[in-house]
Amino acid sequence: MGNELAHGLPRITPMISYEDVAAAVDWLEAAFGFREREGARFAGDDGRITHAEMELEDGVIMLANPTPDYQSPKHHANVCEQARKWLAVPYVIDGLHVFVDDVDDHFARAKAAGATLLSEPEDQPYGERVYRAEDLEGHRWMFAQPA
């Protein structure tokens, strides 16, 4: 089976919870260039999306709404002082690291779509050019390009 084990998925696929999966799908496409995988969207009895999958090149992420009680990082920080402290730094905490072809172009796209930018693109001593951003619900992403 090579690198894909089932359903065209890689061996490891990050799963991210969102309060509003439909809004997240649209936003991740506009801001970060993901595209929804055809046939991989499921809704509950109430019509709300409970699962969707998105691709960027050969990478896949799963989006889900696990329960009506779930709170996104941004929402949780509004009601929890400790979460506000975690998010006071510009670093990726429990986030995703994604390679892109051109970090500066990707940064411009994310900025134009209204992403919360945590850093400008910058060269790192470990050989990558990176920037950090938050999505619409406060999940943190690091986009990188080998320097």
N, C-alpha and C. Protein backbone atom coordinates (compact mmCIF):
# COMPACT_ATOMS: atom_id res chain seq x y z
N MET A 1 0.79 -1.19 0.00
CA MET A 1 0.00 0.00 0.00
C MET A 1 0.84 1.26 0.00
N GLY A 2 2.12 1.17 0.16
CA GLY A 2 2.97 2.35 0.15
C GLY A 2 2.68 3.27 1.32
N ASN A 3 2.69 4.58 1.04
CA ASN A 3 2.46 5.56 2.10
C ASN A 3 0.99 5.73 2.44
N GLU A 4 0.09 5.28 1.59
CA GLU A 4 -1.34 5.43 1.83
C GLU A 4 -1.90 4.09 2.30
N LEU A 5 -2.51 4.09 3.47
CA LEU A 5 -3.00 2.85 4.06
C LEU A 5 -4.46 2.58 3.73
N ALA A 6 -5.29 3.60 3.78
CA ALA A 6 -6.72 3.40 3.53
C ALA A 6 -7.36 4.70 3.11
N HIS A 7 -8.32 4.62 2.22
CA HIS A 7 -9.10 5.79 1.79
C HIS A 7 -8.21 6.90 1.22
N GLY A 8 -7.04 6.57 0.72
CA GLY A 8 -6.16 7.58 0.17
C GLY A 8 -5.53 8.48 1.21
N LEU A 9 -5.44 8.02 2.45
CA LEU A 9 -4.89 8.83 3.54
C LEU A 9 -3.44 8.44 3.83
N PRO A 10 -2.62 9.41 4.20
CA PRO A 10 -1.24 9.08 4.61
C PRO A 10 -1.26 8.34 5.96
N ARG A 11 -0.11 7.83 6.34
CA ARG A 11 0.00 7.07 7.58
C ARG A 11 -0.40 7.89 8.80
N ILE A 12 -0.06 9.15 8.83
CA ILE A 12 -0.43 10.02 9.95
C ILE A 12 -1.24 11.18 9.40
N THR A 13 -2.41 11.40 9.98
CA THR A 13 -3.30 12.47 9.54
C THR A 13 -3.75 13.27 10.76
N PRO A 14 -3.35 14.54 10.87
CA PRO A 14 -3.82 15.36 12.00
C PRO A 14 -5.33 15.53 11.97
N MET A 15 -5.93 15.49 13.16
CA MET A 15 -7.37 15.72 13.31
C MET A 15 -7.53 16.97 14.18
N ILE A 16 -8.31 17.94 13.69
CA ILE A 16 -8.47 19.21 14.38
C ILE A 16 -9.96 19.44 14.62
N SER A 17 -10.33 19.81 15.82
CA SER A 17 -11.73 20.08 16.14
C SER A 17 -12.05 21.55 15.92
N TYR A 18 -13.25 21.79 15.39
CA TYR A 18 -13.75 23.15 15.16
C TYR A 18 -15.18 23.24 15.65
N GLU A 19 -15.54 24.40 16.18
CA GLU A 19 -16.93 24.64 16.56
C GLU A 19 -17.81 24.71 15.31
N ASP A 20 -17.28 25.30 14.23
CA ASP A 20 -18.03 25.45 12.98
C ASP A 20 -17.17 24.90 11.85
N VAL A 21 -17.35 23.62 11.56
CA VAL A 21 -16.53 22.95 10.55
C VAL A 21 -16.72 23.58 9.17
N ALA A 22 -17.94 23.94 8.81
CA ALA A 22 -18.20 24.53 7.50
C ALA A 22 -17.42 25.83 7.33
N ALA A 23 -17.44 26.69 8.34
CA ALA A 23 -16.70 27.95 8.27
C ALA A 23 -15.19 27.67 8.20
N ALA A 24 -14.73 26.67 8.94
CA ALA A 24 -13.31 26.33 8.93
C ALA A 24 -12.87 25.86 7.55
N VAL A 25 -13.68 25.04 6.89
CA VAL A 25 -13.35 24.56 5.54
C VAL A 25 -13.18 25.75 4.60
N ASP A 26 -14.13 26.66 4.60
CA ASP A 26 -14.05 27.83 3.72
C ASP A 26 -12.84 28.69 4.05
N TRP A 27 -12.59 28.90 5.34
CA TRP A 27 -11.50 29.78 5.76
C TRP A 27 -10.14 29.16 5.44
N LEU A 28 -9.96 27.88 5.73
CA LEU A 28 -8.68 27.23 5.47
C LEU A 28 -8.36 27.22 3.98
N GLU A 29 -9.37 27.15 3.15
CA GLU A 29 -9.16 27.24 1.70
C GLU A 29 -8.72 28.64 1.30
N ALA A 30 -9.42 29.65 1.79
CA ALA A 30 -9.10 31.03 1.41
C ALA A 30 -7.76 31.49 1.96
N ALA A 31 -7.49 31.17 3.21
CA ALA A 31 -6.30 31.70 3.87
C ALA A 31 -5.04 30.87 3.65
N PHE A 32 -5.17 29.54 3.71
CA PHE A 32 -4.00 28.69 3.69
C PHE A 32 -3.89 27.81 2.45
N GLY A 33 -4.86 27.88 1.54
CA GLY A 33 -4.76 27.16 0.28
C GLY A 33 -5.13 25.69 0.32
N PHE A 34 -5.75 25.22 1.40
CA PHE A 34 -6.22 23.85 1.43
C PHE A 34 -7.40 23.70 0.48
N ARG A 35 -7.70 22.45 0.08
CA ARG A 35 -8.91 22.19 -0.70
C ARG A 35 -9.60 20.99 -0.09
N GLU A 36 -10.93 21.04 -0.11
CA GLU A 36 -11.71 19.97 0.49
C GLU A 36 -11.63 18.71 -0.35
N ARG A 37 -11.50 17.58 0.30
CA ARG A 37 -11.48 16.29 -0.38
C ARG A 37 -12.91 15.90 -0.74
N GLU A 38 -13.12 15.58 -1.98
CA GLU A 38 -14.45 15.20 -2.45
C GLU A 38 -14.93 13.92 -1.77
N GLY A 39 -16.18 13.93 -1.35
CA GLY A 39 -16.77 12.75 -0.74
C GLY A 39 -16.36 12.50 0.70
N ALA A 40 -15.68 13.46 1.32
CA ALA A 40 -15.18 13.27 2.68
C ALA A 40 -15.83 14.25 3.66
N ARG A 41 -17.06 14.67 3.36
CA ARG A 41 -17.81 15.57 4.24
C ARG A 41 -19.05 14.82 4.73
N PHE A 42 -19.24 14.86 6.05
CA PHE A 42 -20.38 14.18 6.65
C PHE A 42 -21.09 15.13 7.60
N ALA A 43 -22.41 15.02 7.64
CA ALA A 43 -23.22 15.89 8.50
C ALA A 43 -24.03 15.05 9.47
N GLY A 44 -24.36 15.67 10.59
CA GLY A 44 -25.22 15.02 11.58
C GLY A 44 -26.68 15.20 11.21
N ASP A 45 -27.55 14.67 12.04
CA ASP A 45 -28.99 14.77 11.80
C ASP A 45 -29.47 16.21 11.73
N ASP A 46 -28.77 17.10 12.43
CA ASP A 46 -29.16 18.51 12.43
C ASP A 46 -28.61 19.29 11.23
N GLY A 47 -27.86 18.62 10.35
CA GLY A 47 -27.31 19.27 9.17
C GLY A 47 -25.93 19.87 9.36
N ARG A 48 -25.48 19.97 10.61
CA ARG A 48 -24.14 20.51 10.86
C ARG A 48 -23.07 19.52 10.42
N ILE A 49 -22.01 20.04 9.84
CA ILE A 49 -20.91 19.18 9.41
C ILE A 49 -20.21 18.63 10.65
N THR A 50 -20.05 17.31 10.69
CA THR A 50 -19.37 16.67 11.80
C THR A 50 -17.97 16.20 11.42
N HIS A 51 -17.70 16.10 10.12
CA HIS A 51 -16.39 15.63 9.65
C HIS A 51 -16.16 16.13 8.23
N ALA A 52 -14.96 16.60 7.97
CA ALA A 52 -14.54 16.97 6.62
C ALA A 52 -13.04 16.72 6.53
N GLU A 53 -12.56 16.54 5.31
CA GLU A 53 -11.12 16.34 5.10
C GLU A 53 -10.64 17.35 4.07
N MET A 54 -9.42 17.84 4.28
CA MET A 54 -8.83 18.82 3.37
C MET A 54 -7.43 18.39 3.00
N GLU A 55 -7.00 18.83 1.81
CA GLU A 55 -5.67 18.48 1.29
C GLU A 55 -4.87 19.74 1.00
N LEU A 56 -3.57 19.59 1.12
CA LEU A 56 -2.61 20.57 0.63
C LEU A 56 -1.46 19.75 0.07
N GLU A 57 -1.34 19.75 -1.26
CA GLU A 57 -0.37 18.87 -1.93
C GLU A 57 -0.62 17.43 -1.49
N ASP A 58 0.39 16.77 -0.87
CA ASP A 58 0.23 15.38 -0.47
C ASP A 58 -0.17 15.24 1.00
N GLY A 59 -0.47 16.35 1.66
CA GLY A 59 -0.88 16.32 3.06
C GLY A 59 -2.39 16.37 3.22
N VAL A 60 -2.88 15.76 4.28
CA VAL A 60 -4.31 15.72 4.56
C VAL A 60 -4.52 16.09 6.02
N ILE A 61 -5.59 16.84 6.29
CA ILE A 61 -6.04 17.09 7.65
C ILE A 61 -7.52 16.72 7.73
N MET A 62 -7.93 16.26 8.90
CA MET A 62 -9.34 15.98 9.16
C MET A 62 -9.86 17.07 10.09
N LEU A 63 -11.06 17.55 9.82
CA LEU A 63 -11.72 18.53 10.66
C LEU A 63 -12.97 17.87 11.23
N ALA A 64 -13.28 18.17 12.47
CA ALA A 64 -14.45 17.55 13.08
C ALA A 64 -15.06 18.47 14.13
N ASN A 65 -16.32 18.22 14.42
CA ASN A 65 -16.99 18.82 15.55
C ASN A 65 -17.38 17.66 16.45
N PRO A 66 -16.59 17.42 17.50
CA PRO A 66 -16.78 16.21 18.29
C PRO A 66 -18.02 16.22 19.19
N THR A 67 -18.43 17.40 19.62
CA THR A 67 -19.55 17.51 20.55
C THR A 67 -19.99 18.96 20.61
N PRO A 68 -21.25 19.21 20.88
CA PRO A 68 -21.71 20.61 21.02
C PRO A 68 -21.01 21.34 22.18
N ASP A 69 -20.41 20.60 23.09
CA ASP A 69 -19.73 21.21 24.23
C ASP A 69 -18.29 21.63 23.94
N TYR A 70 -17.77 21.28 22.76
CA TYR A 70 -16.39 21.61 22.42
C TYR A 70 -16.20 23.12 22.33
N GLN A 71 -15.05 23.61 22.82
CA GLN A 71 -14.66 25.01 22.68
C GLN A 71 -13.33 25.09 21.96
N SER A 72 -13.27 25.93 20.95
CA SER A 72 -12.02 26.15 20.22
C SER A 72 -11.02 26.86 21.13
N PRO A 73 -9.73 26.86 20.77
CA PRO A 73 -8.74 27.56 21.59
C PRO A 73 -9.11 29.04 21.79
N LYS A 74 -9.58 29.70 20.75
CA LYS A 74 -9.94 31.12 20.87
C LYS A 74 -11.12 31.29 21.84
N HIS A 75 -12.14 30.48 21.69
CA HIS A 75 -13.30 30.54 22.57
C HIS A 75 -12.90 30.21 24.01
N HIS A 76 -12.10 29.17 24.19
CA HIS A 76 -11.68 28.78 25.53
C HIS A 76 -10.88 29.90 26.21
N ALA A 77 -10.05 30.58 25.45
CA ALA A 77 -9.25 31.68 26.03
C ALA A 77 -10.14 32.83 26.50
N ASN A 78 -11.33 32.95 25.93
CA ASN A 78 -12.24 34.01 26.38
C ASN A 78 -12.80 33.73 27.77
N VAL A 79 -12.80 32.47 28.20
CA VAL A 79 -13.40 32.11 29.48
C VAL A 79 -12.39 31.52 30.47
N CYS A 80 -11.14 31.38 30.07
CA CYS A 80 -10.14 30.73 30.93
C CYS A 80 -8.86 31.56 30.96
N GLU A 81 -8.50 32.04 32.13
CA GLU A 81 -7.31 32.87 32.27
C GLU A 81 -6.03 32.11 31.88
N GLN A 82 -5.94 30.83 32.26
CA GLN A 82 -4.75 30.06 31.94
C GLN A 82 -4.58 29.91 30.43
N ALA A 83 -5.67 29.68 29.71
CA ALA A 83 -5.59 29.58 28.25
C ALA A 83 -5.17 30.91 27.64
N ARG A 84 -5.63 32.02 28.19
CA ARG A 84 -5.19 33.34 27.70
C ARG A 84 -3.68 33.48 27.85
N LYS A 85 -3.14 32.99 28.95
CA LYS A 85 -1.69 33.05 29.18
C LYS A 85 -0.94 32.22 28.15
N TRP A 86 -1.45 31.01 27.83
CA TRP A 86 -0.80 30.16 26.84
C TRP A 86 -0.74 30.86 25.49
N LEU A 87 -1.81 31.56 25.16
CA LEU A 87 -1.92 32.18 23.84
C LEU A 87 -1.31 33.58 23.79
N ALA A 88 -0.73 34.04 24.89
CA ALA A 88 -0.10 35.36 24.91
C ALA A 88 1.24 35.37 24.19
N VAL A 89 1.81 34.22 23.94
CA VAL A 89 3.08 34.13 23.23
C VAL A 89 2.81 33.87 21.74
N PRO A 90 3.74 34.25 20.87
CA PRO A 90 3.51 34.07 19.44
C PRO A 90 3.90 32.69 18.90
N TYR A 91 4.11 31.73 19.78
CA TYR A 91 4.61 30.43 19.35
C TYR A 91 3.47 29.46 19.05
N VAL A 92 3.79 28.42 18.33
CA VAL A 92 2.80 27.39 18.02
C VAL A 92 2.74 26.44 19.21
N ILE A 93 1.56 26.36 19.81
CA ILE A 93 1.32 25.48 20.95
C ILE A 93 0.29 24.46 20.49
N ASP A 94 0.65 23.19 20.47
CA ASP A 94 -0.26 22.15 19.98
C ASP A 94 -0.78 22.51 18.59
N GLY A 95 0.13 22.79 17.67
CA GLY A 95 -0.27 23.20 16.34
C GLY A 95 0.24 22.28 15.26
N LEU A 96 0.25 22.82 14.06
CA LEU A 96 0.65 22.04 12.90
C LEU A 96 1.81 22.73 12.19
N HIS A 97 2.77 21.94 11.72
CA HIS A 97 3.90 22.42 10.93
C HIS A 97 3.66 21.96 9.50
N VAL A 98 3.63 22.90 8.55
CA VAL A 98 3.28 22.59 7.17
C VAL A 98 4.33 23.18 6.23
N PHE A 99 4.89 22.34 5.36
CA PHE A 99 5.81 22.84 4.34
C PHE A 99 5.01 23.39 3.17
N VAL A 100 5.42 24.56 2.67
CA VAL A 100 4.82 25.17 1.49
C VAL A 100 5.95 25.52 0.52
N ASP A 101 5.59 25.75 -0.74
CA ASP A 101 6.60 26.04 -1.76
C ASP A 101 7.24 27.41 -1.59
N ASP A 102 6.45 28.42 -1.20
CA ASP A 102 6.95 29.78 -1.06
C ASP A 102 6.31 30.41 0.17
N VAL A 103 7.07 30.48 1.24
CA VAL A 103 6.56 30.97 2.51
C VAL A 103 6.10 32.43 2.41
N ASP A 104 6.80 33.25 1.65
CA ASP A 104 6.42 34.67 1.55
C ASP A 104 5.10 34.84 0.81
N ASP A 105 4.89 34.09 -0.26
CA ASP A 105 3.61 34.14 -0.97
C ASP A 105 2.48 33.60 -0.09
N HIS A 106 2.76 32.52 0.63
CA HIS A 106 1.76 31.94 1.52
C HIS A 106 1.38 32.92 2.62
N PHE A 107 2.36 33.60 3.17
CA PHE A 107 2.13 34.61 4.20
C PHE A 107 1.22 35.72 3.66
N ALA A 108 1.49 36.18 2.44
CA ALA A 108 0.67 37.23 1.83
C ALA A 108 -0.77 36.77 1.66
N ARG A 109 -0.97 35.52 1.26
CA ARG A 109 -2.32 34.98 1.10
C ARG A 109 -3.04 34.95 2.44
N ALA A 110 -2.37 34.44 3.46
CA ALA A 110 -2.97 34.35 4.80
C ALA A 110 -3.31 35.74 5.33
N LYS A 111 -2.41 36.68 5.13
CA LYS A 111 -2.64 38.06 5.58
C LYS A 111 -3.86 38.66 4.88
N ALA A 112 -3.96 38.46 3.57
CA ALA A 112 -5.08 39.00 2.80
C ALA A 112 -6.41 38.40 3.24
N ALA A 113 -6.38 37.15 3.72
CA ALA A 113 -7.60 36.47 4.16
C ALA A 113 -7.94 36.78 5.62
N GLY A 114 -7.10 37.56 6.28
CA GLY A 114 -7.40 37.97 7.65
C GLY A 114 -6.90 37.04 8.73
N ALA A 115 -5.91 36.20 8.41
CA ALA A 115 -5.34 35.33 9.45
C ALA A 115 -4.72 36.18 10.54
N THR A 116 -4.77 35.68 11.77
CA THR A 116 -4.03 36.32 12.86
C THR A 116 -2.58 35.90 12.71
N LEU A 117 -1.73 36.83 12.35
CA LEU A 117 -0.32 36.52 12.09
C LEU A 117 0.47 36.68 13.37
N LEU A 118 1.19 35.63 13.74
CA LEU A 118 1.96 35.62 14.97
C LEU A 118 3.42 36.00 14.75
N SER A 119 3.87 35.92 13.49
CA SER A 119 5.23 36.34 13.15
C SER A 119 5.29 36.62 11.66
N GLU A 120 6.25 37.41 11.28
CA GLU A 120 6.56 37.66 9.88
C GLU A 120 7.40 36.48 9.39
N PRO A 121 7.51 36.26 8.08
CA PRO A 121 8.43 35.23 7.59
C PRO A 121 9.86 35.56 8.03
N GLU A 122 10.54 34.55 8.55
CA GLU A 122 11.91 34.77 9.02
C GLU A 122 12.73 33.50 8.85
N ASP A 123 14.02 33.67 8.57
CA ASP A 123 14.93 32.54 8.42
C ASP A 123 15.31 32.04 9.80
N GLN A 124 15.32 30.71 9.94
CA GLN A 124 15.65 30.07 11.21
C GLN A 124 17.02 29.43 11.13
N PRO A 125 17.73 29.30 12.25
CA PRO A 125 19.07 28.70 12.22
C PRO A 125 19.05 27.22 11.84
N TYR A 126 17.90 26.56 11.90
CA TYR A 126 17.81 25.14 11.56
C TYR A 126 17.49 24.91 10.08
N GLY A 127 17.56 25.98 9.28
CA GLY A 127 17.48 25.80 7.83
C GLY A 127 16.10 25.94 7.21
N GLU A 128 15.17 26.59 7.89
CA GLU A 128 13.85 26.84 7.32
C GLU A 128 13.53 28.32 7.39
N ARG A 129 12.71 28.76 6.46
CA ARG A 129 12.11 30.10 6.52
C ARG A 129 10.66 29.85 6.95
N VAL A 130 10.22 30.50 8.04
CA VAL A 130 8.92 30.18 8.62
C VAL A 130 8.13 31.44 8.97
N TYR A 131 6.82 31.26 9.09
CA TYR A 131 5.97 32.23 9.77
C TYR A 131 4.92 31.44 10.53
N ARG A 132 4.33 32.10 11.53
CA ARG A 132 3.33 31.46 12.37
C ARG A 132 2.02 32.25 12.28
N ALA A 133 0.89 31.51 12.33
CA ALA A 133 -0.42 32.15 12.23
C ALA A 133 -1.44 31.36 13.03
N GLU A 134 -2.55 32.05 13.37
CA GLU A 134 -3.71 31.40 13.97
C GLU A 134 -4.83 31.38 12.96
N ASP A 135 -5.62 30.31 12.99
CA ASP A 135 -6.79 30.27 12.11
C ASP A 135 -7.99 30.93 12.79
N LEU A 136 -9.14 30.85 12.17
CA LEU A 136 -10.31 31.56 12.65
C LEU A 136 -10.78 31.14 14.03
N GLU A 137 -10.43 29.93 14.48
CA GLU A 137 -10.83 29.48 15.81
C GLU A 137 -9.66 29.38 16.77
N GLY A 138 -8.49 29.91 16.38
CA GLY A 138 -7.36 29.99 17.29
C GLY A 138 -6.38 28.84 17.25
N HIS A 139 -6.53 27.89 16.32
CA HIS A 139 -5.52 26.84 16.17
C HIS A 139 -4.28 27.47 15.56
N ARG A 140 -3.12 27.03 15.99
CA ARG A 140 -1.87 27.63 15.54
C ARG A 140 -1.17 26.76 14.51
N TRP A 141 -0.60 27.45 13.51
CA TRP A 141 0.04 26.82 12.37
C TRP A 141 1.42 27.45 12.17
N MET A 142 2.41 26.63 11.81
CA MET A 142 3.71 27.12 11.38
C MET A 142 3.90 26.66 9.94
N PHE A 143 4.07 27.62 9.04
CA PHE A 143 4.32 27.32 7.64
C PHE A 143 5.79 27.53 7.37
N ALA A 144 6.40 26.57 6.67
CA ALA A 144 7.85 26.57 6.49
C ALA A 144 8.24 26.24 5.06
N GLN A 145 9.40 26.74 4.72
CA GLN A 145 10.03 26.44 3.43
C GLN A 145 11.50 26.21 3.72
N PRO A 146 12.09 25.13 3.21
CA PRO A 146 13.53 24.96 3.42
C PRO A 146 14.28 26.18 2.88
N ALA A 147 15.22 26.66 3.68
CA ALA A 147 15.97 27.88 3.31
C ALA A 147 16.99 27.57 2.22
